[in-house]
Amino acid sequence: MILSILPTFWFSSWFWLAICVICIVIEVSTLSLTTIWFAIGAFAMVFISMIAMPFQIQLLIFTIISVLLLIFTRPIALKKLTVKRAATNSDSIIGKKAAVTEKITPLSKGAIKVNGLIWTATVKDESELEAGELCEIVSIEGATAVVKKAEPVKADSPSQE
């Protein structure tokens, strides 16, 4: 068997160092936060392999270290390294009512006023909105607000403030 031919002393350290470098290269190219744990396991094996032991035992220790790191530290690292999408000021106006200041049609953009700011706007559907009408902001696409005609407020319903 090939594993039994490998030297168990100084060559093993270089072997594990090579495995460590290969795993780091794979991790850098994939950014999956998976092979980095095997790189750490291989790096630990650089030092552990200096103790005279058969290569099969070294392989077993490497596997145990790497799998334990993968299972217990990857979720923590993912949680710490995952960047949450920060809400922008434009996201805060989605769902708000706005006044149409320039006519908006499916073929041409118009303008709305919300929170004291004028926004370029386009309609979500095939409707037309005249200046002075009330609309609701559905989404933001770039620097353009996508709007729809606002539902009329019923007289007997409590007002929203």
Protein backbone atom coordinates (compact mmCIF):
# COMPACT_ATOMS: atom_id res chain seq x y z
CA MET A 1 0.00 0.00 0.00
CA ILE A 2 1.28 3.48 -0.92
CA LEU A 3 0.55 4.93 2.52
CA SER A 4 2.94 2.48 4.17
CA ILE A 5 5.84 3.48 1.87
CA LEU A 6 5.79 7.14 2.88
CA PRO A 7 8.49 8.02 5.41
CA THR A 8 7.21 8.79 8.88
CA PHE A 9 9.72 11.46 9.92
CA TRP A 10 10.95 14.64 8.21
CA PHE A 11 9.22 13.97 4.89
CA SER A 12 5.84 13.92 6.61
CA SER A 13 6.21 17.53 7.77
CA TRP A 14 6.86 18.69 4.21
CA PHE A 15 3.96 16.58 2.97
CA TRP A 16 1.55 18.21 5.45
CA LEU A 17 2.90 21.66 4.65
CA ALA A 18 2.21 21.00 0.95
CA ILE A 19 -1.34 19.84 1.79
CA CYS A 20 -1.81 23.01 3.85
CA VAL A 21 -0.72 25.23 0.95
CA ILE A 22 -2.92 23.33 -1.53
CA CYS A 23 -5.95 23.70 0.77
CA ILE A 24 -5.29 27.43 1.17
CA VAL A 25 -5.07 27.87 -2.61
CA ILE A 26 -8.36 26.00 -3.03
CA GLU A 27 -10.00 28.11 -0.29
CA VAL A 28 -8.81 31.36 -1.82
CA SER A 29 -10.16 30.35 -5.21
CA THR A 30 -13.54 29.14 -3.94
CA LEU A 31 -14.14 31.27 -0.81
CA SER A 32 -16.42 28.52 0.50
CA LEU A 33 -14.98 28.51 4.02
CA THR A 34 -14.60 24.74 3.82
CA THR A 35 -11.06 23.80 2.85
CA ILE A 36 -9.56 26.35 5.25
CA TRP A 37 -10.31 23.91 8.09
CA PHE A 38 -8.37 21.19 6.29
CA ALA A 39 -5.53 23.67 5.80
CA ILE A 40 -5.50 24.31 9.56
CA GLY A 41 -5.59 20.56 10.19
CA ALA A 42 -2.67 20.06 7.81
CA PHE A 43 -0.75 22.89 9.47
CA ALA A 44 -1.27 21.23 12.87
CA MET A 45 -0.01 18.00 11.33
CA VAL A 46 3.26 19.71 10.30
CA PHE A 47 4.15 19.76 14.01
CA ILE A 48 2.36 16.60 15.13
CA SER A 49 4.09 14.58 12.39
CA MET A 50 7.46 15.31 14.01
CA ILE A 51 6.52 12.65 16.54
CA ALA A 52 7.40 9.29 15.02
CA MET A 53 4.14 7.56 14.07
CA PRO A 54 2.84 5.66 11.05
CA PHE A 55 1.36 7.73 8.25
CA GLN A 56 -2.02 6.05 8.66
CA ILE A 57 -2.22 7.40 12.23
CA GLN A 58 -1.20 10.85 10.97
CA LEU A 59 -3.95 10.68 8.36
CA LEU A 60 -6.47 9.69 11.04
CA ILE A 61 -5.41 12.59 13.31
CA PHE A 62 -5.56 15.02 10.36
CA THR A 63 -9.07 13.84 9.50
CA ILE A 64 -10.28 14.13 13.08
CA ILE A 65 -8.83 17.64 13.54
CA SER A 66 -10.17 18.88 10.21
CA VAL A 67 -13.67 17.45 10.61
CA LEU A 68 -13.99 18.76 14.17
CA LEU A 69 -12.89 22.22 13.03
CA LEU A 70 -15.31 22.06 10.11
CA ILE A 71 -18.26 21.02 12.26
CA PHE A 72 -17.71 23.29 15.24
CA THR A 73 -16.02 26.43 13.93
CA ARG A 74 -17.37 26.88 10.40
CA PRO A 75 -20.88 27.93 11.55
CA ILE A 76 -19.35 30.49 13.93
CA ALA A 77 -17.03 31.82 11.23
CA LEU A 78 -19.87 32.03 8.71
CA LYS A 79 -21.97 33.97 11.20
CA LYS A 80 -19.13 36.42 11.90
CA LEU A 81 -18.05 36.82 8.27
CA THR A 82 -21.47 37.08 6.64
CA VAL A 83 -22.13 40.69 5.82
CA LYS A 84 -25.72 41.71 6.29
CA ARG A 85 -27.13 43.95 3.61
CA ALA A 86 -27.38 47.36 5.17
CA ALA A 87 -30.65 49.11 4.57
CA THR A 88 -30.19 52.33 2.68
CA ASN A 89 -32.19 55.50 3.04
CA SER A 90 -33.98 54.63 -0.18
CA ASP A 91 -35.18 51.34 1.34
CA SER A 92 -36.89 53.28 4.11
CA ILE A 93 -39.38 54.87 1.70
CA ILE A 94 -40.70 51.59 0.29
CA GLY A 95 -44.35 51.27 1.26
CA LYS A 96 -44.77 54.99 1.92
CA LYS A 97 -47.30 57.22 0.21
CA ALA A 98 -46.03 60.00 -2.06
CA ALA A 99 -47.50 62.86 -4.05
CA VAL A 100 -47.12 62.74 -7.83
CA THR A 101 -45.52 66.01 -9.01
CA GLU A 102 -45.13 65.13 -12.71
CA LYS A 103 -47.40 62.80 -14.71
CA ILE A 104 -46.18 59.19 -14.74
CA THR A 105 -47.10 56.84 -17.60
CA PRO A 106 -45.92 53.36 -18.57
CA LEU A 107 -43.92 54.96 -21.41
CA SER A 108 -42.43 57.94 -19.57
CA LYS A 109 -41.03 58.56 -16.15
CA GLY A 110 -42.45 61.25 -13.93
CA ALA A 111 -41.67 62.57 -10.48
CA ILE A 112 -42.94 62.12 -6.95
CA LYS A 113 -42.33 63.92 -3.69
CA VAL A 114 -41.74 61.88 -0.56
CA ASN A 115 -40.19 63.02 2.73
CA GLY A 116 -39.58 66.41 1.15
CA LEU A 117 -37.44 64.94 -1.65
CA ILE A 118 -38.24 64.70 -5.35
CA TRP A 119 -37.71 61.26 -6.88
CA THR A 120 -37.86 60.11 -10.48
CA ALA A 121 -40.66 57.57 -10.68
CA THR A 122 -42.09 54.95 -12.98
CA VAL A 123 -45.30 52.97 -12.66
CA LYS A 124 -45.43 49.30 -11.69
CA ASP A 125 -48.37 48.46 -13.91
CA GLU A 126 -49.98 49.98 -17.01
CA SER A 127 -51.72 52.76 -15.10
CA GLU A 128 -51.15 56.49 -15.45
CA LEU A 129 -50.76 58.81 -12.50
CA GLU A 130 -51.55 62.50 -12.86
CA ALA A 131 -49.83 65.30 -10.95
CA GLY A 132 -51.49 65.76 -7.57
CA GLU A 133 -52.53 62.11 -7.19
CA LEU A 134 -51.35 59.94 -4.34
CA CYS A 135 -49.18 56.88 -5.02
CA GLU A 136 -47.45 54.17 -3.00
CA ILE A 137 -43.77 53.32 -3.46
CA VAL A 138 -43.42 49.63 -4.29
CA SER A 139 -39.65 49.35 -4.82
CA ILE A 140 -36.51 51.23 -5.76
CA GLU A 141 -34.65 50.41 -8.99
CA GLY A 142 -31.40 52.33 -9.04
CA ALA A 143 -32.38 55.97 -8.46
CA THR A 144 -35.96 55.50 -9.65
CA ALA A 145 -38.95 54.80 -7.43
CA VAL A 146 -41.41 52.23 -8.76
CA VAL A 147 -44.91 53.28 -7.72
CA LYS A 148 -48.52 52.20 -7.96
CA LYS A 149 -51.72 54.12 -7.45
CA ALA A 150 -52.44 54.42 -3.73
CA GLU A 151 -55.54 52.75 -2.38
CA PRO A 152 -58.07 55.36 -1.28
CA VAL A 153 -58.40 55.71 2.48
CA LYS A 154 -61.89 54.84 3.72
CA ALA A 155 -63.58 57.52 5.81
CA ASP A 156 -64.66 55.08 8.53
CA SER A 157 -61.21 53.51 8.99
CA PRO A 158 -58.78 54.89 11.57
CA SER A 159 -56.18 57.19 10.09
CA GLN A 160 -52.56 56.08 9.91
CA GLU A 161 -50.08 58.50 11.40
